[in-house]
């Protein structure tokens, strides 16, 4: 049975506070998370690089069909261009997460530029949805000491992944399906993309592998804030 999506209560309708409340994280909480509890038959689906008006609506419809709650790592400049999609993602009960403003390699940026990339995105997502992002993912999984520090300053934990089908390289729908089904395990965090180019292969793969995972007894979660 698919996992239920809890009612969202139209969170985007809530007016965000003038000054976001951010939780102070410990050093341990700041380390990237690569997987969830392996004792539970649960999978976290994560969707990067959107929102994208071509592919995000189809992904949202698929998740609604199967009762799946996911985490969307949004690029700030895309979110600024498509604010209605950002609100729709949040209103459907998914987690809104920070994936920088321009998707740069953070290892080559000054601390000030890293802070601008993260803070600008978090502020935009907070204004759009009334929610303060509590998860961050570095583009390419390329964290830097500065990005770890600044994410913690902004109250965000860092989410990596344990299953990467390399769908961004468009290896073909069968390859994406095969890589996910061969590697997914209880507690896996699965990387997918709905933005950054033609993601029709990813969408087609989702249509094929989601019912297989559901029939295999997996439940789906967005990791807790």
C-alpha atoms as a PDB file:
ATOM      1  CA  UNK A   1       0.000   0.000   0.000  1.00  0.00           C
ATOM      2  CA  UNK A   2       1.304   3.466  -0.761  1.00  0.00           C
ATOM      3  CA  UNK A   3       2.176   5.666   2.150  1.00  0.00           C
ATOM      4  CA  UNK A   4      -0.352   8.396   2.918  1.00  0.00           C
ATOM      5  CA  UNK A   5       0.371  12.043   2.260  1.00  0.00           C
ATOM      6  CA  UNK A   6      -0.696  14.057   5.296  1.00  0.00           C
ATOM      7  CA  UNK A   7      -2.920  17.073   4.618  1.00  0.00           C
ATOM      8  CA  UNK A   8      -0.863  20.192   4.138  1.00  0.00           C
ATOM      9  CA  UNK A   9      -3.456  22.687   5.281  1.00  0.00           C
ATOM     10  CA  UNK A  10      -2.456  25.102   2.501  1.00  0.00           C
ATOM     11  CA  UNK A  11       0.810  26.159   4.172  1.00  0.00           C
ATOM     12  CA  UNK A  12       1.633  28.652   1.445  1.00  0.00           C
ATOM     13  CA  UNK A  13      -1.339  30.733   2.524  1.00  0.00           C
ATOM     14  CA  UNK A  14       0.355  31.484   5.818  1.00  0.00           C
ATOM     15  CA  UNK A  15       2.195  34.779   5.923  1.00  0.00           C
ATOM     16  CA  UNK A  16       5.898  34.220   6.673  1.00  0.00           C
ATOM     17  CA  UNK A  17       7.322  35.970   9.683  1.00  0.00           C
ATOM     18  CA  UNK A  18       9.524  38.967   9.023  1.00  0.00           C
ATOM     19  CA  UNK A  19      12.534  37.277  10.609  1.00  0.00           C
ATOM     20  CA  UNK A  20      12.805  33.514   9.943  1.00  0.00           C
ATOM     21  CA  UNK A  21      13.270  31.376  13.048  1.00  0.00           C
ATOM     22  CA  UNK A  22      16.259  29.093  12.489  1.00  0.00           C
ATOM     23  CA  UNK A  23      17.289  26.234  14.724  1.00  0.00           C
ATOM     24  CA  UNK A  24      20.928  26.104  15.811  1.00  0.00           C
ATOM     25  CA  UNK A  25      22.469  22.810  14.679  1.00  0.00           C
ATOM     26  CA  UNK A  26      25.150  20.764  16.387  1.00  0.00           C
ATOM     27  CA  UNK A  27      28.294  19.674  14.554  1.00  0.00           C
ATOM     28  CA  UNK A  28      26.933  16.130  14.316  1.00  0.00           C
ATOM     29  CA  UNK A  29      23.674  17.380  12.806  1.00  0.00           C
ATOM     30  CA  UNK A  30      25.645  19.317  10.193  1.00  0.00           C
ATOM     31  CA  UNK A  31      27.237  16.221   8.670  1.00  0.00           C
ATOM     32  CA  UNK A  32      25.688  15.070   5.364  1.00  0.00           C
ATOM     33  CA  UNK A  33      23.047  12.338   5.736  1.00  0.00           C
ATOM     34  CA  UNK A  34      23.493   9.503   3.212  1.00  0.00           C
ATOM     35  CA  UNK A  35      20.724   7.134   4.251  1.00  0.00           C
ATOM     36  CA  UNK A  36      17.880   6.599   6.689  1.00  0.00           C
ATOM     37  CA  UNK A  37      17.112   3.842   9.171  1.00  0.00           C
ATOM     38  CA  UNK A  38      18.003   0.522   7.452  1.00  0.00           C
ATOM     39  CA  UNK A  39      15.691  -1.326   9.849  1.00  0.00           C
ATOM     40  CA  UNK A  40      12.633   0.258   8.236  1.00  0.00           C
ATOM     41  CA  UNK A  41      11.428  -0.563   4.726  1.00  0.00           C
ATOM     42  CA  UNK A  42      11.343   3.094   3.799  1.00  0.00           C
ATOM     43  CA  UNK A  43      12.805   5.071   0.890  1.00  0.00           C
ATOM     44  CA  UNK A  44      13.319   8.820   0.549  1.00  0.00           C
ATOM     45  CA  UNK A  45      12.815  10.145  -2.958  1.00  0.00           C
ATOM     46  CA  UNK A  46      14.632  13.417  -3.629  1.00  0.00           C
ATOM     47  CA  UNK A  47      14.115  15.579  -6.709  1.00  0.00           C
ATOM     48  CA  UNK A  48      16.789  18.104  -7.721  1.00  0.00           C
ATOM     49  CA  UNK A  49      17.204  21.181  -9.925  1.00  0.00           C
ATOM     50  CA  UNK A  50      13.605  22.321 -10.321  1.00  0.00           C
ATOM     51  CA  UNK A  51      11.073  23.594 -10.382  1.00  0.00           C
ATOM     52  CA  UNK A  52      10.609  23.060 -14.108  1.00  0.00           C
ATOM     53  CA  UNK A  53       7.258  23.729 -15.817  1.00  0.00           C
ATOM     54  CA  UNK A  54       7.828  20.871 -18.277  1.00  0.00           C
ATOM     55  CA  UNK A  55       8.479  18.050 -15.827  1.00  0.00           C
ATOM     56  CA  UNK A  56       7.629  19.061 -12.242  1.00  0.00           C
ATOM     57  CA  UNK A  57       3.808  18.906 -12.737  1.00  0.00           C
ATOM     58  CA  UNK A  58       4.075  15.346 -14.089  1.00  0.00           C
ATOM     59  CA  UNK A  59       6.281  14.292 -11.173  1.00  0.00           C
ATOM     60  CA  UNK A  60       3.809  15.823  -8.723  1.00  0.00           C
ATOM     61  CA  UNK A  61       0.912  13.983 -10.363  1.00  0.00           C
ATOM     62  CA  UNK A  62       2.802  10.675 -10.113  1.00  0.00           C
ATOM     63  CA  UNK A  63       3.567  11.205  -6.453  1.00  0.00           C
ATOM     64  CA  UNK A  64      -0.071  12.037  -5.762  1.00  0.00           C
ATOM     65  CA  UNK A  65      -1.151   8.883  -7.603  1.00  0.00           C
ATOM     66  CA  UNK A  66       0.978   6.710  -5.307  1.00  0.00           C
ATOM     67  CA  UNK A  67       0.582   8.739  -2.130  1.00  0.00           C
ATOM     68  CA  UNK A  68       4.280   9.582  -2.028  1.00  0.00           C
ATOM     69  CA  UNK A  69       5.790  12.433  -0.044  1.00  0.00           C
ATOM     70  CA  UNK A  70       9.178  13.555  -1.380  1.00  0.00           C
ATOM     71  CA  UNK A  71      11.827  16.244  -0.919  1.00  0.00           C
ATOM     72  CA  UNK A  72      12.338  18.787  -3.702  1.00  0.00           C
ATOM     73  CA  UNK A  73      15.752  20.473  -3.737  1.00  0.00           C
ATOM     74  CA  UNK A  74      14.992  23.696  -5.579  1.00  0.00           C
ATOM     75  CA  UNK A  75      17.373  26.061  -7.347  1.00  0.00           C
ATOM     76  CA  UNK A  76      16.673  29.624  -6.291  1.00  0.00           C
ATOM     77  CA  UNK A  77      16.713  31.216  -9.735  1.00  0.00           C
ATOM     78  CA  UNK A  78      14.260  28.566 -10.999  1.00  0.00           C
ATOM     79  CA  UNK A  79      12.030  29.069  -7.967  1.00  0.00           C
ATOM     80  CA  UNK A  80      12.041  32.820  -8.577  1.00  0.00           C
ATOM     81  CA  UNK A  81      10.901  32.228 -12.157  1.00  0.00           C
ATOM     82  CA  UNK A  82       8.161  29.726 -11.220  1.00  0.00           C
ATOM     83  CA  UNK A  83       6.802  30.716  -7.783  1.00  0.00           C
ATOM     84  CA  UNK A  84       3.401  29.098  -8.403  1.00  0.00           C
ATOM     85  CA  UNK A  85       5.123  25.718  -8.855  1.00  0.00           C
ATOM     86  CA  UNK A  86       7.019  26.208  -5.603  1.00  0.00           C
ATOM     87  CA  UNK A  87       3.747  26.822  -3.779  1.00  0.00           C
ATOM     88  CA  UNK A  88       2.136  23.823  -5.456  1.00  0.00           C
ATOM     89  CA  UNK A  89       4.954  21.521  -4.329  1.00  0.00           C
ATOM     90  CA  UNK A  90       4.535  22.747  -0.750  1.00  0.00           C
ATOM     91  CA  UNK A  91       0.738  22.633  -0.847  1.00  0.00           C
ATOM     92  CA  UNK A  92       0.864  18.974  -1.915  1.00  0.00           C
ATOM     93  CA  UNK A  93       2.701  18.116   1.297  1.00  0.00           C
ATOM     94  CA  UNK A  94       6.258  17.749  -0.014  1.00  0.00           C
ATOM     95  CA  UNK A  95       9.336  19.176   1.635  1.00  0.00           C
ATOM     96  CA  UNK A  96      10.872  22.277   0.080  1.00  0.00           C
ATOM     97  CA  UNK A  97      14.675  22.235   0.323  1.00  0.00           C
ATOM     98  CA  UNK A  98      17.592  24.463  -0.682  1.00  0.00           C
ATOM     99  CA  UNK A  99      19.847  23.615  -3.648  1.00  0.00           C
ATOM    100  CA  UNK A 100      21.615  27.009  -3.958  1.00  0.00           C
ATOM    101  CA  UNK A 101      20.632  29.947  -6.161  1.00  0.00           C
ATOM    102  CA  UNK A 102      22.621  29.175  -9.347  1.00  0.00           C
ATOM    103  CA  UNK A 103      23.863  25.560  -8.863  1.00  0.00           C
ATOM    104  CA  UNK A 104      27.597  26.396  -8.644  1.00  0.00           C
ATOM    105  CA  UNK A 105      30.501  24.253  -7.453  1.00  0.00           C
ATOM    106  CA  UNK A 106      30.650  25.527  -3.881  1.00  0.00           C
ATOM    107  CA  UNK A 107      34.223  24.334  -3.403  1.00  0.00           C
ATOM    108  CA  UNK A 108      35.456  27.195  -5.590  1.00  0.00           C
ATOM    109  CA  UNK A 109      33.474  30.045  -4.020  1.00  0.00           C
ATOM    110  CA  UNK A 110      34.400  32.420  -1.232  1.00  0.00           C
ATOM    111  CA  UNK A 111      32.531  32.118   2.046  1.00  0.00           C
ATOM    112  CA  UNK A 112      30.629  35.302   1.243  1.00  0.00           C
ATOM    113  CA  UNK A 113      29.451  33.983  -2.110  1.00  0.00           C
ATOM    114  CA  UNK A 114      28.454  30.650  -0.576  1.00  0.00           C
ATOM    115  CA  UNK A 115      26.393  32.478   2.025  1.00  0.00           C
ATOM    116  CA  UNK A 116      24.685  34.524  -0.693  1.00  0.00           C
ATOM    117  CA  UNK A 117      23.814  31.353  -2.662  1.00  0.00           C
ATOM    118  CA  UNK A 118      22.242  29.643   0.347  1.00  0.00           C
ATOM    119  CA  UNK A 119      20.687  32.564   2.198  1.00  0.00           C
ATOM    120  CA  UNK A 120      19.126  34.117  -0.884  1.00  0.00           C
ATOM    121  CA  UNK A 121      17.484  30.784  -1.763  1.00  0.00           C
ATOM    122  CA  UNK A 122      16.223  30.086   1.751  1.00  0.00           C
ATOM    123  CA  UNK A 123      14.751  33.581   2.010  1.00  0.00           C
ATOM    124  CA  UNK A 124      12.933  33.192  -1.314  1.00  0.00           C
ATOM    125  CA  UNK A 125      11.506  29.771  -0.416  1.00  0.00           C
ATOM    126  CA  UNK A 126      10.385  31.101   2.963  1.00  0.00           C
ATOM    127  CA  UNK A 127       8.606  34.030   1.331  1.00  0.00           C
ATOM    128  CA  UNK A 128       6.956  31.768  -1.254  1.00  0.00           C
ATOM    129  CA  UNK A 129       5.687  29.062   1.103  1.00  0.00           C
ATOM    130  CA  UNK A 130       5.781  30.379   4.659  1.00  0.00           C
ATOM    131  CA  UNK A 131       8.204  27.562   5.495  1.00  0.00           C
ATOM    132  CA  UNK A 132      11.864  27.890   6.386  1.00  0.00           C
ATOM    133  CA  UNK A 133      13.925  25.233   4.525  1.00  0.00           C
ATOM    134  CA  UNK A 134      15.599  22.821   6.941  1.00  0.00           C
ATOM    135  CA  UNK A 135      17.513  20.697   4.410  1.00  0.00           C
ATOM    136  CA  UNK A 136      20.296  21.646   1.990  1.00  0.00           C
ATOM    137  CA  UNK A 137      22.025  19.732  -0.782  1.00  0.00           C
ATOM    138  CA  UNK A 138      25.262  20.916  -2.370  1.00  0.00           C
ATOM    139  CA  UNK A 139      25.257  20.712  -6.182  1.00  0.00           C
ATOM    140  CA  UNK A 140      26.959  17.492  -7.197  1.00  0.00           C
ATOM    141  CA  UNK A 141      27.241  16.531  -3.535  1.00  0.00           C
ATOM    142  CA  UNK A 142      30.323  18.738  -3.430  1.00  0.00           C
ATOM    143  CA  UNK A 143      30.160  20.177   0.078  1.00  0.00           C
ATOM    144  CA  UNK A 144      32.841  22.539   1.365  1.00  0.00           C
ATOM    145  CA  UNK A 145      33.763  23.575   4.905  1.00  0.00           C
ATOM    146  CA  UNK A 146      32.147  26.952   4.211  1.00  0.00           C
ATOM    147  CA  UNK A 147      28.899  25.446   2.921  1.00  0.00           C
ATOM    148  CA  UNK A 148      28.615  23.093   5.911  1.00  0.00           C
ATOM    149  CA  UNK A 149      29.131  26.000   8.309  1.00  0.00           C
ATOM    150  CA  UNK A 150      26.737  28.347   6.541  1.00  0.00           C
ATOM    151  CA  UNK A 151      24.024  25.727   6.122  1.00  0.00           C
ATOM    152  CA  UNK A 152      24.224  25.141   9.884  1.00  0.00           C
ATOM    153  CA  UNK A 153      24.061  28.897  10.503  1.00  0.00           C
ATOM    154  CA  UNK A 154      20.870  28.972   8.426  1.00  0.00           C
ATOM    155  CA  UNK A 155      19.334  26.043  10.327  1.00  0.00           C
ATOM    156  CA  UNK A 156      19.715  23.490   7.528  1.00  0.00           C
ATOM    157  CA  UNK A 157      20.934  19.912   7.702  1.00  0.00           C
ATOM    158  CA  UNK A 158      22.761  18.443   4.694  1.00  0.00           C
ATOM    159  CA  UNK A 159      21.208  15.607   2.692  1.00  0.00           C
ATOM    160  CA  UNK A 160      23.302  13.453   0.379  1.00  0.00           C
ATOM    161  CA  UNK A 161      22.094  10.213  -1.256  1.00  0.00           C
ATOM    162  CA  UNK A 162      22.821   6.487  -1.402  1.00  0.00           C
ATOM    163  CA  UNK A 163      21.286   5.650  -4.815  1.00  0.00           C
ATOM    164  CA  UNK A 164      22.330   7.687  -7.860  1.00  0.00           C
ATOM    165  CA  UNK A 165      20.969   6.501 -11.233  1.00  0.00           C
ATOM    166  CA  UNK A 166      22.879   9.343 -12.954  1.00  0.00           C
ATOM    167  CA  UNK A 167      19.655  10.333 -14.643  1.00  0.00           C
ATOM    168  CA  UNK A 168      21.067  13.828 -15.234  1.00  0.00           C
ATOM    169  CA  UNK A 169      23.337  12.271 -17.916  1.00  0.00           C
ATOM    170  CA  UNK A 170      20.288  10.850 -19.754  1.00  0.00           C
ATOM    171  CA  UNK A 171      21.623   7.272 -19.980  1.00  0.00           C
ATOM    172  CA  UNK A 172      18.251   5.991 -21.210  1.00  0.00           C
ATOM    173  CA  UNK A 173      15.097   5.120 -19.299  1.00  0.00           C
ATOM    174  CA  UNK A 174      15.958   1.386 -18.946  1.00  0.00           C
ATOM    175  CA  UNK A 175      19.343   2.255 -17.404  1.00  0.00           C
ATOM    176  CA  UNK A 176      17.754   4.586 -14.846  1.00  0.00           C
ATOM    177  CA  UNK A 177      15.176   1.967 -13.870  1.00  0.00           C
ATOM    178  CA  UNK A 178      17.796  -0.784 -13.614  1.00  0.00           C
ATOM    179  CA  UNK A 179      20.190   1.262 -11.483  1.00  0.00           C
ATOM    180  CA  UNK A 180      17.495   2.202  -9.003  1.00  0.00           C
ATOM    181  CA  UNK A 181      15.875  -1.222  -8.644  1.00  0.00           C
ATOM    182  CA  UNK A 182      19.254  -2.972  -8.305  1.00  0.00           C
ATOM    183  CA  UNK A 183      20.565  -0.587  -5.654  1.00  0.00           C
ATOM    184  CA  UNK A 184      17.603   0.498  -3.555  1.00  0.00           C
ATOM    185  CA  UNK A 185      17.562  -0.880  -0.009  1.00  0.00           C
ATOM    186  CA  UNK A 186      15.603  -0.111   3.165  1.00  0.00           C
ATOM    187  CA  UNK A 187      16.693   3.368   4.213  1.00  0.00           C
ATOM    188  CA  UNK A 188      17.901   4.459   0.764  1.00  0.00           C
ATOM    189  CA  UNK A 189      17.893   8.098  -0.278  1.00  0.00           C
ATOM    190  CA  UNK A 190      17.319   8.133  -4.054  1.00  0.00           C
ATOM    191  CA  UNK A 191      18.499  10.976  -6.281  1.00  0.00           C
ATOM    192  CA  UNK A 192      16.356  12.108  -9.231  1.00  0.00           C
ATOM    193  CA  UNK A 193      16.108  15.312 -11.299  1.00  0.00           C
ATOM    194  CA  UNK A 194      13.125  17.217 -12.630  1.00  0.00           C
ATOM    195  CA  UNK A 195      15.111  20.252 -13.824  1.00  0.00           C
ATOM    196  CA  UNK A 196      18.349  21.185 -15.520  1.00  0.00           C
ATOM    197  CA  UNK A 197      17.409  19.939 -18.988  1.00  0.00           C
ATOM    198  CA  UNK A 198      15.312  17.306 -20.699  1.00  0.00           C
ATOM    199  CA  UNK A 199      14.149  15.015 -17.888  1.00  0.00           C
ATOM    200  CA  UNK A 200      11.679  12.949 -19.909  1.00  0.00           C
ATOM    201  CA  UNK A 201      13.787   9.818 -19.257  1.00  0.00           C
ATOM    202  CA  UNK A 202      13.562  10.423 -15.506  1.00  0.00           C
ATOM    203  CA  UNK A 203       9.801  10.881 -15.678  1.00  0.00           C
ATOM    204  CA  UNK A 204       9.399   7.708 -17.741  1.00  0.00           C
ATOM    205  CA  UNK A 205      11.604   5.823 -15.259  1.00  0.00           C
ATOM    206  CA  UNK A 206       9.526   7.052 -12.311  1.00  0.00           C
ATOM    207  CA  UNK A 207       6.373   5.768 -13.992  1.00  0.00           C
ATOM    208  CA  UNK A 208       7.996   2.330 -14.271  1.00  0.00           C
ATOM    209  CA  UNK A 209       9.843   1.892 -10.969  1.00  0.00           C
ATOM    210  CA  UNK A 210       7.441   3.513  -8.503  1.00  0.00           C
ATOM    211  CA  UNK A 211       4.788   0.756  -8.775  1.00  0.00           C
ATOM    212  CA  UNK A 212       7.529  -1.882  -8.452  1.00  0.00           C
ATOM    213  CA  UNK A 213       8.767  -0.346  -5.193  1.00  0.00           C
ATOM    214  CA  UNK A 214       5.210   0.027  -3.884  1.00  0.00           C
ATOM    215  CA  UNK A 215       4.411  -3.606  -4.733  1.00  0.00           C
ATOM    216  CA  UNK A 216       7.657  -4.635  -2.996  1.00  0.00           C
ATOM    217  CA  UNK A 217       6.356  -3.179   0.250  1.00  0.00           C
ATOM    218  CA  UNK A 218       8.361   0.048   0.368  1.00  0.00           C
ATOM    219  CA  UNK A 219       6.993   3.160   2.008  1.00  0.00           C
ATOM    220  CA  UNK A 220       8.134   6.658   1.126  1.00  0.00           C
ATOM    221  CA  UNK A 221       9.081   9.544   3.338  1.00  0.00           C
ATOM    222  CA  UNK A 222      10.465  13.009   3.337  1.00  0.00           C
ATOM    223  CA  UNK A 223      13.104  12.924   6.123  1.00  0.00           C
ATOM    224  CA  UNK A 224      11.927  14.801   9.209  1.00  0.00           C
ATOM    225  CA  UNK A 225      12.737  18.466   9.592  1.00  0.00           C
END
